[in-house]
N, C-alpha and C. Protein backbone atom coordinates (compact mmCIF):
# COMPACT_ATOMS: atom_id res chain seq x y z
N MET A 1 -15.48 20.61 4.91
CA MET A 1 -15.56 19.34 4.09
C MET A 1 -16.98 18.98 3.53
N GLY A 2 -16.91 18.46 2.53
CA GLY A 2 -18.41 18.02 1.80
C GLY A 2 -19.02 16.64 2.21
N ASN A 3 -20.12 16.19 2.08
CA ASN A 3 -20.29 14.99 2.20
C ASN A 3 -19.40 13.89 1.86
N ARG A 4 -19.28 14.16 0.63
CA ARG A 4 -18.22 12.75 0.38
C ARG A 4 -17.12 12.52 0.89
N GLU A 5 -16.36 13.88 1.42
CA GLU A 5 -15.08 13.66 2.20
C GLU A 5 -15.53 13.34 3.36
N ASP A 6 -16.63 13.81 4.33
CA ASP A 6 -17.02 13.34 5.32
C ASP A 6 -17.12 11.87 5.35
N LEU A 7 -17.91 11.33 4.31
CA LEU A 7 -18.07 9.95 4.38
C LEU A 7 -16.77 8.89 4.13
N LEU A 8 -15.86 9.48 3.60
CA LEU A 8 -14.37 8.78 3.68
C LEU A 8 -14.03 8.82 4.88
N ALA A 9 -13.70 9.87 5.25
CA ALA A 9 -13.31 10.25 6.97
C ALA A 9 -14.02 9.32 7.78
N GLY A 10 -15.22 9.17 7.80
CA GLY A 10 -16.30 8.73 8.68
C GLY A 10 -15.86 7.10 8.19
N ALA A 11 -15.70 6.55 6.97
CA ALA A 11 -15.43 5.16 6.81
C ALA A 11 -14.03 4.84 7.24
N ARG A 12 -13.14 5.58 7.02
CA ARG A 12 -11.90 5.25 7.52
C ARG A 12 -11.70 4.79 8.97
N LYS A 13 -12.38 6.03 9.69
CA LYS A 13 -12.40 5.71 11.25
C LYS A 13 -13.34 4.42 11.62
N VAL A 14 -14.24 4.42 11.16
CA VAL A 14 -14.93 2.99 11.68
C VAL A 14 -14.45 1.69 11.15
N ILE A 15 -13.88 1.73 9.99
CA ILE A 15 -13.14 0.69 9.42
C ILE A 15 -11.95 0.04 10.32
N VAL A 16 -11.05 1.26 10.69
CA VAL A 16 -10.02 1.09 11.62
C VAL A 16 -10.42 0.50 12.90
N GLU A 17 -11.31 1.01 13.33
CA GLU A 17 -11.88 0.69 15.06
C GLU A 17 -12.50 -0.87 14.79
N ARG A 18 -13.20 -1.01 13.86
CA ARG A 18 -14.23 -2.32 13.78
C ARG A 18 -13.70 -3.29 12.78
N GLY A 19 -12.98 -2.82 11.56
CA GLY A 19 -12.70 -3.93 10.68
C GLY A 19 -13.80 -4.04 9.83
N ILE A 20 -13.69 -4.21 8.56
CA ILE A 20 -14.69 -4.27 7.38
C ILE A 20 -15.92 -5.16 7.97
N ALA A 21 -15.68 -6.43 8.26
CA ALA A 21 -16.90 -7.34 8.50
C ALA A 21 -17.75 -6.72 9.48
N LYS A 22 -17.42 -5.92 10.26
CA LYS A 22 -18.27 -5.43 11.31
C LYS A 22 -18.63 -4.07 11.21
N THR A 23 -18.19 -3.43 9.95
CA THR A 23 -18.79 -1.93 9.54
C THR A 23 -19.92 -1.99 8.73
N THR A 24 -20.68 -1.13 9.02
CA THR A 24 -22.07 -1.13 8.28
C THR A 24 -22.20 0.30 7.66
N ALA A 25 -23.12 0.33 6.80
CA ALA A 25 -23.34 1.73 6.15
C ALA A 25 -23.85 2.55 7.27
N ARG A 26 -24.66 2.11 8.21
CA ARG A 26 -25.23 3.05 9.07
C ARG A 26 -24.35 3.72 9.87
N ASP A 27 -23.26 2.70 10.38
CA ASP A 27 -21.99 3.21 11.10
C ASP A 27 -21.41 4.28 10.51
N ILE A 28 -21.08 4.01 9.14
CA ILE A 28 -20.27 5.10 8.23
C ILE A 28 -20.97 6.32 8.30
N ALA A 29 -22.50 6.46 7.93
CA ALA A 29 -23.12 7.64 7.74
C ALA A 29 -23.14 8.24 9.52
N ALA A 30 -23.21 7.53 10.32
CA ALA A 30 -23.44 8.35 11.69
C ALA A 30 -22.16 9.02 11.97
N ALA A 31 -20.85 8.17 11.58
CA ALA A 31 -19.52 8.64 11.94
C ALA A 31 -19.26 10.01 10.91
N ALA A 32 -19.80 10.14 9.78
CA ALA A 32 -19.68 11.17 9.09
C ALA A 32 -20.73 12.14 9.41
N GLY A 33 -21.74 11.78 10.06
CA GLY A 33 -22.79 12.97 10.32
C GLY A 33 -23.63 13.25 9.15
N VAL A 34 -23.90 12.28 8.15
CA VAL A 34 -24.74 12.35 7.11
C VAL A 34 -25.53 11.10 6.76
N SER A 35 -26.36 11.41 5.93
CA SER A 35 -27.91 10.73 5.90
C SER A 35 -27.17 9.27 5.29
N LEU A 36 -27.88 8.14 5.60
CA LEU A 36 -27.39 6.93 4.78
C LEU A 36 -27.60 6.90 3.39
N ALA A 37 -28.52 7.85 2.81
CA ALA A 37 -28.46 7.81 1.66
C ALA A 37 -27.40 8.58 0.74
N ALA A 38 -26.74 9.20 1.58
CA ALA A 38 -25.36 9.96 1.04
C ALA A 38 -24.49 9.08 0.43
N ILE A 39 -24.51 7.78 0.82
CA ILE A 39 -23.43 6.82 0.56
C ILE A 39 -23.94 6.44 -1.06
N GLY A 40 -24.87 6.05 -1.24
CA GLY A 40 -25.62 5.61 -2.60
C GLY A 40 -25.47 6.75 -3.41
N TYR A 41 -25.66 7.87 -2.98
CA TYR A 41 -25.52 9.04 -4.14
C TYR A 41 -24.05 9.38 -4.33
N HIS A 42 -23.19 9.16 -3.47
CA HIS A 42 -21.62 9.81 -3.71
C HIS A 42 -20.79 8.43 -4.31
N PHE A 43 -21.41 7.21 -3.54
CA PHE A 43 -20.12 6.15 -4.12
C PHE A 43 -21.08 4.88 -4.66
N GLY A 44 -22.40 4.78 -4.60
CA GLY A 44 -23.04 3.72 -5.44
C GLY A 44 -23.23 2.62 -4.46
N SER A 45 -22.34 2.43 -3.43
CA SER A 45 -22.67 1.00 -2.41
C SER A 45 -21.55 1.51 -1.39
N LYS A 46 -21.96 0.86 -0.05
CA LYS A 46 -20.83 0.84 0.88
C LYS A 46 -19.60 0.04 0.50
N ASP A 47 -19.70 -0.89 -0.42
CA ASP A 47 -18.39 -1.57 -0.66
C ASP A 47 -17.54 -0.71 -1.69
N ARG A 48 -18.03 0.19 -2.29
CA ARG A 48 -16.99 1.25 -3.22
C ARG A 48 -16.51 2.12 -2.19
N LEU A 49 -17.53 2.59 -1.25
CA LEU A 49 -16.85 3.72 -0.36
C LEU A 49 -15.86 3.01 0.48
N VAL A 50 -16.06 1.91 1.03
CA VAL A 50 -14.88 1.23 1.98
C VAL A 50 -13.62 0.95 1.12
N THR A 51 -13.90 0.65 -0.37
CA THR A 51 -12.62 0.51 -0.85
C THR A 51 -11.86 1.94 -1.20
N GLU A 52 -12.65 2.68 -1.62
CA GLU A 52 -11.98 3.96 -1.76
C GLU A 52 -11.28 4.39 -0.76
N ALA A 53 -11.96 4.34 0.64
CA ALA A 53 -11.42 4.94 1.88
C ALA A 53 -10.12 4.29 2.35
N LEU A 54 -10.15 2.92 1.82
CA LEU A 54 -9.02 2.05 1.97
C LEU A 54 -7.75 2.54 1.22
N VAL A 55 -8.24 2.64 0.10
CA VAL A 55 -7.11 2.96 -0.94
C VAL A 55 -6.57 4.42 -0.41
N GLU A 56 -7.48 5.60 -0.19
CA GLU A 56 -7.13 6.48 0.27
C GLU A 56 -6.00 6.64 1.45
N THR A 57 -6.54 5.54 2.62
CA THR A 57 -5.61 5.53 3.76
C THR A 57 -4.72 4.78 3.29
N LEU A 58 -4.38 4.02 2.66
CA LEU A 58 -3.04 3.33 2.58
C LEU A 58 -2.05 4.13 1.71
N GLY A 59 -2.86 4.91 0.77
CA GLY A 59 -2.01 5.62 0.10
C GLY A 59 -1.11 6.62 0.65
N THR A 60 -2.01 7.45 1.55
CA THR A 60 -1.10 8.40 2.63
C THR A 60 -0.53 8.00 3.76
N GLY A 61 -0.77 6.62 3.99
CA GLY A 61 -0.21 6.18 5.20
C GLY A 61 1.13 5.31 4.67
N ILE A 62 0.91 3.93 4.14
CA ILE A 62 1.81 3.25 3.99
C ILE A 62 2.42 3.46 2.47
N GLY A 63 1.99 4.04 1.76
CA GLY A 63 2.23 4.43 0.31
C GLY A 63 3.24 5.55 0.62
N ASP A 64 2.86 6.86 1.29
CA ASP A 64 3.71 7.90 1.35
C ASP A 64 4.90 7.62 2.00
N ASP A 65 4.71 6.89 3.26
CA ASP A 65 5.90 6.25 4.17
C ASP A 65 6.95 5.35 3.25
N LEU A 66 6.45 4.75 2.57
CA LEU A 66 7.50 3.90 1.58
C LEU A 66 8.15 4.56 0.76
N GLU A 67 7.13 5.49 0.09
CA GLU A 67 8.11 6.41 -0.94
C GLU A 67 9.19 7.40 -0.27
N ASN A 68 8.72 7.74 0.89
CA ASN A 68 9.62 8.53 1.88
C ASN A 68 10.98 7.64 2.02
N LEU A 69 10.74 6.18 2.25
CA LEU A 69 11.90 5.41 2.32
C LEU A 69 12.81 5.40 1.26
N VAL A 70 12.20 5.28 0.34
CA VAL A 70 12.94 5.41 -1.08
C VAL A 70 13.72 6.53 -1.26
N LEU A 71 13.37 7.57 -0.72
CA LEU A 71 13.91 9.02 -1.15
C LEU A 71 15.16 9.37 -0.14
N GLU A 72 14.81 8.39 1.16
CA GLU A 72 15.99 8.50 2.04
C GLU A 72 17.05 7.70 1.62
N GLY A 73 17.05 6.73 0.45
CA GLY A 73 18.09 6.02 -0.19
C GLY A 73 18.86 6.99 -0.78
N THR A 74 18.73 8.08 -1.38
CA THR A 74 19.35 9.35 -2.12
C THR A 74 20.91 9.25 -1.69
N GLY A 75 21.57 9.01 -2.75
CA GLY A 75 22.72 9.14 -2.62
C GLY A 75 23.72 7.73 -2.19
N ALA A 76 22.86 6.85 -1.67
CA ALA A 76 23.24 5.35 -1.42
C ALA A 76 23.26 4.59 -2.71
N SER A 77 24.09 3.63 -2.60
CA SER A 77 23.83 2.50 -3.85
C SER A 77 22.45 2.20 -3.64
N LEU A 78 21.97 1.58 -4.84
CA LEU A 78 20.70 0.74 -5.00
C LEU A 78 20.77 -0.03 -4.08
N LEU A 79 21.74 -1.02 -3.89
CA LEU A 79 21.50 -2.46 -3.02
C LEU A 79 21.28 -1.76 -1.37
N ASP A 80 21.99 -0.93 -1.04
CA ASP A 80 21.94 -0.15 0.31
C ASP A 80 20.74 0.37 0.68
N GLY A 81 20.17 1.10 -0.67
CA GLY A 81 18.78 1.90 -0.46
C GLY A 81 17.62 0.61 -0.37
N PHE A 82 17.92 -0.04 -1.09
CA PHE A 82 16.98 -1.45 -0.73
C PHE A 82 17.09 -2.08 0.47
N ALA A 83 18.26 -2.58 0.93
CA ALA A 83 18.42 -2.93 2.36
C ALA A 83 17.72 -2.01 3.46
N THR A 84 17.99 -0.79 3.34
CA THR A 84 17.52 0.32 4.22
C THR A 84 16.05 0.24 4.33
N LEU A 85 15.28 0.08 3.07
CA LEU A 85 14.01 0.15 3.00
C LEU A 85 13.27 -0.95 3.50
N VAL A 86 13.89 -2.17 3.30
CA VAL A 86 13.44 -3.40 3.97
C VAL A 86 13.73 -3.20 5.33
N ASN A 87 14.73 -2.69 5.78
CA ASN A 87 15.04 -2.87 7.32
C ASN A 87 13.94 -1.94 8.11
N ASP A 88 13.60 -0.84 7.45
CA ASP A 88 12.72 0.14 7.98
C ASP A 88 11.29 -0.16 7.82
N VAL A 89 10.85 -1.16 6.86
CA VAL A 89 9.39 -1.11 6.50
C VAL A 89 8.71 -1.79 7.75
N PRO A 90 9.17 -2.60 8.69
CA PRO A 90 8.14 -2.88 9.91
C PRO A 90 7.88 -1.65 10.80
N SER A 91 8.52 -0.64 10.67
CA SER A 91 8.00 0.82 11.51
C SER A 91 6.78 1.19 10.58
N VAL A 92 6.77 1.05 9.33
CA VAL A 92 5.67 1.47 8.55
C VAL A 92 4.71 0.64 8.92
N PHE A 93 4.43 -0.69 9.09
CA PHE A 93 3.57 -1.55 9.16
C PHE A 93 3.12 -1.17 10.57
N ALA A 94 3.85 -1.11 11.54
CA ALA A 94 3.42 -0.78 13.00
C ALA A 94 2.53 0.28 13.08
N ALA A 95 3.10 1.70 12.07
CA ALA A 95 2.15 2.68 12.45
C ALA A 95 0.94 2.60 11.76
N ASN A 96 0.65 1.67 10.78
CA ASN A 96 -0.57 1.60 9.89
C ASN A 96 -1.18 0.24 10.26
N ARG A 97 -0.85 -0.94 11.17
CA ARG A 97 -1.43 -1.89 11.59
C ARG A 97 -2.99 -2.01 11.25
N GLU A 98 -3.59 -1.31 11.89
CA GLU A 98 -5.39 -1.32 11.52
C GLU A 98 -5.55 -1.34 10.22
N ALA A 99 -4.97 -0.25 9.68
CA ALA A 99 -5.16 0.13 8.21
C ALA A 99 -4.73 -1.14 7.28
N LEU A 100 -3.50 -1.50 7.64
CA LEU A 100 -3.21 -2.90 6.99
C LEU A 100 -4.33 -3.85 6.85
N LEU A 101 -4.50 -4.28 8.15
CA LEU A 101 -5.55 -5.57 8.54
C LEU A 101 -7.04 -5.23 7.79
N ALA A 102 -7.35 -3.91 7.80
CA ALA A 102 -8.55 -3.86 7.00
C ALA A 102 -8.35 -3.92 5.48
N SER A 103 -7.30 -3.68 4.99
CA SER A 103 -6.86 -3.61 3.71
C SER A 103 -7.03 -4.91 2.88
N LEU A 104 -6.18 -5.83 3.96
CA LEU A 104 -6.34 -7.47 3.58
C LEU A 104 -7.74 -8.01 3.73
N GLU A 105 -8.49 -7.54 4.39
CA GLU A 105 -9.67 -7.89 4.73
C GLU A 105 -10.74 -7.58 3.48
N ASN A 106 -10.39 -6.51 3.15
CA ASN A 106 -11.30 -5.58 1.84
C ASN A 106 -10.81 -6.46 0.57
N VAL A 107 -9.48 -6.82 0.58
CA VAL A 107 -8.92 -7.38 -0.72
C VAL A 107 -9.75 -8.63 -0.86
N VAL A 108 -9.85 -9.71 0.09
CA VAL A 108 -10.45 -10.90 -0.01
C VAL A 108 -11.91 -10.50 -0.39
N HIS A 109 -12.44 -9.41 0.24
CA HIS A 109 -13.78 -9.08 -0.54
C HIS A 109 -14.15 -8.67 -1.69
N VAL A 110 -12.98 -8.02 -2.27
CA VAL A 110 -13.05 -7.49 -3.42
C VAL A 110 -12.85 -8.49 -4.38
N LEU A 111 -12.01 -9.48 -4.27
CA LEU A 111 -11.65 -10.79 -4.99
C LEU A 111 -12.92 -11.65 -5.35
N ARG A 112 -13.68 -11.73 -4.58
CA ARG A 112 -15.15 -12.30 -4.43
C ARG A 112 -16.28 -11.39 -5.31
N ASP A 113 -15.89 -10.38 -5.59
CA ASP A 113 -16.84 -9.24 -6.07
C ASP A 113 -15.91 -8.56 -6.98
N SER A 114 -15.65 -9.16 -8.37
CA SER A 114 -15.07 -8.55 -9.28
C SER A 114 -15.29 -7.11 -9.97
N SER A 115 -16.53 -6.83 -9.63
CA SER A 115 -17.14 -5.42 -9.97
C SER A 115 -16.54 -4.50 -9.17
N GLU A 116 -16.10 -4.57 -8.11
CA GLU A 116 -15.33 -3.71 -6.83
C GLU A 116 -13.86 -3.50 -7.20
N SER A 117 -13.16 -4.37 -8.25
CA SER A 117 -12.16 -4.51 -8.10
C SER A 117 -11.19 -3.46 -8.98
N ARG A 118 -11.84 -2.49 -9.76
CA ARG A 118 -11.37 -1.42 -10.51
C ARG A 118 -10.45 -0.65 -9.75
N LYS A 119 -10.67 -0.08 -8.76
CA LYS A 119 -10.35 0.85 -7.89
C LYS A 119 -9.07 0.33 -7.10
N LEU A 120 -8.87 -0.91 -6.94
CA LEU A 120 -7.58 -1.67 -6.36
C LEU A 120 -6.74 -1.78 -7.48
N HIS A 121 -7.21 -2.01 -8.94
CA HIS A 121 -6.37 -2.18 -9.88
C HIS A 121 -5.54 -0.74 -10.10
N GLU A 122 -6.40 0.44 -9.98
CA GLU A 122 -5.99 1.62 -10.31
C GLU A 122 -5.04 1.80 -8.99
N ALA A 123 -5.22 1.55 -7.82
CA ALA A 123 -4.46 1.78 -6.65
C ALA A 123 -2.96 1.21 -6.93
N VAL A 124 -2.80 0.07 -7.37
CA VAL A 124 -1.81 -0.79 -7.39
C VAL A 124 -0.71 -0.16 -8.87
N ALA A 125 -1.64 0.30 -9.53
CA ALA A 125 -0.89 1.14 -10.74
C ALA A 125 -0.19 2.51 -10.20
N GLU A 126 -1.08 3.11 -9.49
CA GLU A 126 -0.31 4.38 -9.08
C GLU A 126 0.62 4.13 -7.70
N GLY A 127 0.64 3.22 -7.06
CA GLY A 127 1.77 2.69 -6.42
C GLY A 127 2.86 2.23 -7.09
N TYR A 128 2.80 1.76 -7.99
CA TYR A 128 4.22 1.45 -9.13
C TYR A 128 4.63 3.06 -9.68
N ARG A 129 3.77 3.85 -9.76
CA ARG A 129 4.11 5.12 -10.46
C ARG A 129 4.71 5.98 -9.39
N GLY A 130 4.23 5.99 -8.37
CA GLY A 130 4.66 6.56 -7.23
C GLY A 130 6.16 6.27 -7.06
N MET A 131 6.04 4.75 -6.69
CA MET A 131 7.35 4.57 -6.25
C MET A 131 8.71 4.42 -7.41
N ALA A 132 8.18 4.40 -8.60
CA ALA A 132 9.28 4.79 -9.83
C ALA A 132 9.83 6.05 -9.97
N LYS A 133 8.64 7.01 -9.64
CA LYS A 133 9.15 8.57 -9.61
C LYS A 133 9.92 8.96 -8.51
N ASN A 134 9.95 8.04 -7.19
CA ASN A 134 10.99 8.34 -6.47
C ASN A 134 12.00 7.72 -6.64
N LEU A 135 12.01 6.43 -7.00
CA LEU A 135 13.27 5.73 -7.36
C LEU A 135 14.13 6.79 -8.06
N VAL A 136 13.50 7.34 -9.04
CA VAL A 136 14.35 8.13 -10.36
C VAL A 136 14.80 9.44 -9.58
N LEU A 137 14.13 10.19 -8.68
CA LEU A 137 14.57 11.14 -7.63
C LEU A 137 15.76 10.43 -6.86
N ALA A 138 15.57 9.61 -6.32
CA ALA A 138 16.65 8.90 -5.33
C ALA A 138 18.10 8.55 -6.30
N HIS A 139 17.87 8.09 -7.44
CA HIS A 139 18.69 7.50 -8.36
C HIS A 139 18.50 7.93 -9.88
N PRO A 140 18.91 9.21 -9.79
CA PRO A 140 18.81 9.81 -11.39
C PRO A 140 19.60 8.97 -12.71
N GLU A 141 20.39 7.79 -12.25
CA GLU A 141 21.15 7.26 -13.25
C GLU A 141 20.18 6.17 -13.74
N LEU A 142 19.07 5.89 -13.03
CA LEU A 142 18.06 4.98 -13.53
C LEU A 142 17.30 5.48 -14.85
N ASP A 143 17.05 4.71 -15.78
CA ASP A 143 16.36 4.87 -16.84
C ASP A 143 14.72 4.59 -16.32
N GLU A 144 13.64 4.72 -17.25
CA GLU A 144 12.18 4.70 -16.77
C GLU A 144 12.01 3.37 -16.74
N ARG A 145 12.75 2.28 -17.64
CA ARG A 145 12.36 0.82 -17.48
C ARG A 145 13.07 0.33 -16.26
N GLN A 146 14.27 0.79 -15.71
CA GLN A 146 15.01 0.31 -14.66
C GLN A 146 13.98 0.93 -13.29
N ALA A 147 13.52 1.96 -13.50
CA ALA A 147 12.71 2.55 -12.05
C ALA A 147 11.54 1.87 -12.10
N ASN A 148 10.71 1.39 -13.34
CA ASN A 148 9.52 0.84 -13.08
C ASN A 148 9.86 -0.83 -12.58
N SER A 149 10.81 -1.35 -13.00
CA SER A 149 11.36 -2.66 -12.50
C SER A 149 11.51 -2.90 -11.16
N ILE A 150 12.37 -1.82 -10.87
CA ILE A 150 12.53 -1.71 -9.32
C ILE A 150 11.41 -1.61 -8.62
N ALA A 151 10.41 -0.44 -8.89
CA ALA A 151 9.09 -0.03 -8.28
C ALA A 151 8.34 -1.45 -8.14
N ARG A 152 8.08 -1.97 -9.01
CA ARG A 152 7.51 -3.38 -9.14
C ARG A 152 7.86 -4.41 -7.96
N LEU A 153 9.42 -4.37 -8.05
CA LEU A 153 10.03 -5.39 -6.97
C LEU A 153 9.57 -5.12 -5.75
N TYR A 154 9.94 -3.46 -5.49
CA TYR A 154 9.81 -2.91 -3.87
C TYR A 154 8.08 -3.07 -3.69
N TYR A 155 7.14 -2.87 -4.72
CA TYR A 155 5.74 -2.89 -4.12
C TYR A 155 5.21 -4.49 -4.02
N VAL A 156 5.86 -5.11 -4.84
CA VAL A 156 5.41 -6.75 -4.42
C VAL A 156 6.13 -7.41 -3.09
N LEU A 157 7.31 -6.84 -2.94
CA LEU A 157 7.93 -7.18 -1.70
C LEU A 157 7.35 -6.59 -0.38
N THR A 158 7.10 -5.23 -0.66
CA THR A 158 6.25 -4.75 0.62
C THR A 158 5.15 -5.36 0.90
N GLN A 159 4.41 -5.52 -0.12
CA GLN A 159 3.05 -6.10 0.20
C GLN A 159 3.12 -7.57 0.87
N SER A 160 3.82 -8.53 0.43
CA SER A 160 4.17 -9.78 1.17
C SER A 160 5.21 -9.48 2.29
N LEU A 161 6.01 -8.75 2.43
CA LEU A 161 6.40 -8.42 3.73
C LEU A 161 5.08 -7.71 4.80
N GLY A 162 4.21 -7.14 4.52
CA GLY A 162 3.35 -6.58 5.21
C GLY A 162 2.07 -7.71 5.97
N ILE A 163 2.27 -9.00 5.11
CA ILE A 163 1.39 -10.13 5.35
C ILE A 163 2.07 -10.91 6.39
N LEU A 164 3.35 -11.19 5.90
CA LEU A 164 4.32 -11.67 7.13
C LEU A 164 4.17 -11.18 8.15
N TRP A 165 4.48 -9.74 8.23
CA TRP A 165 4.69 -8.99 9.43
C TRP A 165 3.27 -9.35 10.19
N LEU A 166 2.20 -9.20 9.76
CA LEU A 166 1.09 -9.26 10.47
C LEU A 166 0.84 -10.93 11.10
N LEU A 167 1.40 -11.77 10.49
CA LEU A 167 1.38 -13.44 11.00
C LEU A 167 2.60 -13.63 12.01
N ASP A 168 3.93 -12.94 11.83
CA ASP A 168 4.69 -13.01 12.84
C ASP A 168 5.91 -12.03 12.21
N SER A 169 5.86 -11.03 13.00
CA SER A 169 6.75 -10.12 12.55
C SER A 169 8.20 -10.64 13.07
N GLU A 170 8.58 -11.60 13.77
CA GLU A 170 9.76 -11.88 13.89
C GLU A 170 10.39 -12.89 12.76
N ALA A 171 9.05 -13.16 11.84
CA ALA A 171 9.90 -14.13 10.66
C ALA A 171 10.34 -13.24 9.70
N LEU A 172 10.22 -11.66 9.63
CA LEU A 172 10.56 -11.09 8.57
C LEU A 172 12.07 -11.28 8.33
N PRO A 173 12.34 -11.33 7.09
CA PRO A 173 13.92 -11.41 6.65
C PRO A 173 14.34 -9.93 6.96
N SER A 174 15.67 -9.64 7.17
CA SER A 174 16.07 -8.22 7.18
C SER A 174 16.53 -7.86 5.78
N GLY A 175 16.52 -6.53 5.83
CA GLY A 175 16.91 -5.80 4.53
C GLY A 175 18.44 -6.26 4.13
N ASP A 176 19.32 -6.65 4.91
CA ASP A 176 20.63 -7.18 4.64
C ASP A 176 20.56 -8.34 4.02
N GLU A 177 19.58 -9.32 4.84
CA GLU A 177 19.70 -10.60 4.05
C GLU A 177 18.98 -10.55 2.67
N LEU A 178 17.94 -10.08 2.56
CA LEU A 178 17.25 -9.58 1.05
C LEU A 178 18.21 -9.07 0.08
N ALA A 179 19.20 -8.07 0.56
CA ALA A 179 20.04 -7.35 -0.23
C ALA A 179 21.13 -8.58 -0.87
N GLU A 180 21.72 -9.28 0.19
CA GLU A 180 22.54 -10.29 -0.11
C GLU A 180 22.14 -11.26 -1.23
N ALA A 181 20.85 -11.48 -0.76
CA ALA A 181 20.11 -12.56 -2.05
C ALA A 181 20.17 -11.90 -3.01
N VAL A 182 19.57 -10.53 -3.45
CA VAL A 182 19.47 -9.88 -4.72
C VAL A 182 20.83 -9.80 -5.29
N ALA A 183 21.71 -9.73 -4.32
CA ALA A 183 23.37 -9.34 -4.85
C ALA A 183 23.82 -10.45 -5.41
N THR A 184 23.42 -11.39 -4.86
CA THR A 184 23.90 -13.20 -5.19
C THR A 184 23.27 -13.50 -6.53
N ILE A 185 21.77 -13.38 -6.58
CA ILE A 185 21.19 -13.60 -7.97
C ILE A 185 21.76 -12.72 -8.89
N GLY A 186 22.00 -11.33 -8.87
CA GLY A 186 22.40 -10.51 -9.66
C GLY A 186 23.91 -10.96 -10.48
N GLY A 187 24.47 -11.52 -9.08
CA GLY A 187 25.91 -12.11 -9.64
C GLY A 187 26.01 -13.15 -10.38
N SER A 188 25.29 -13.81 -10.29
CA SER A 188 25.20 -15.29 -10.83
C SER A 188 24.44 -15.63 -12.07
N HIS A 189 23.47 -14.62 -12.38
CA HIS A 189 22.77 -14.88 -13.58
C HIS A 189 22.20 -13.28 -14.30
N THR A 190 22.10 -13.47 -15.33
CA THR A 190 21.89 -12.46 -16.31
C THR A 190 20.31 -12.41 -16.30
N VAL A 191 19.63 -11.10 -16.28
CA VAL A 191 18.38 -11.14 -16.63
C VAL A 191 18.02 -11.07 -18.04
N PRO A 192 17.14 -11.84 -18.38
CA PRO A 192 16.88 -12.05 -20.07
C PRO A 192 16.00 -10.63 -20.67
N ASN A 193 16.28 -10.23 -21.72
CA ASN A 193 16.02 -9.25 -22.31
C ASN A 193 14.29 -9.44 -22.46
N SER A 194 13.55 -8.69 -22.17
CA SER A 194 12.00 -8.99 -22.59
C SER A 194 11.55 -7.99 -23.56
């Protein structure tokens, strides 16, 4: 690995161990085995390095796991696939708890400093794209607009469920409950054309 990759790995390690607030640039450089100046050279700032490290961690941890849950719905109805995803998402959160906490901590920091928000905007867009791609693989009957709409629903819902899970995992609604709500809404209302 090069210094850039070492820094990302070091940042992920320190952030998960200590959280964002207690992570220093010096800690990251030490964990990466590189000089403190390497952070500025490769990332411009510790904040940018932290954001990039978290985006990668969540993309390969939670993001990949969620996309795999979508693919597990291949052959099932869309509603059953939705219920299964929501029923199984707590195990994804449990496997990535520290990264999820660090991500929430970083989001608050980034919201206070808009110059760092570009990477998070890109990550959200990439999350939508990845989810839509896997939805089409699992459900080839979906057109692009439908897949993008469902991907946005899944993405927004899993973000919200992640926060709720951190607060009180017992308060999470089941996938079956939410699927019933979606079916009820779908059966009683028509979606306006956009």
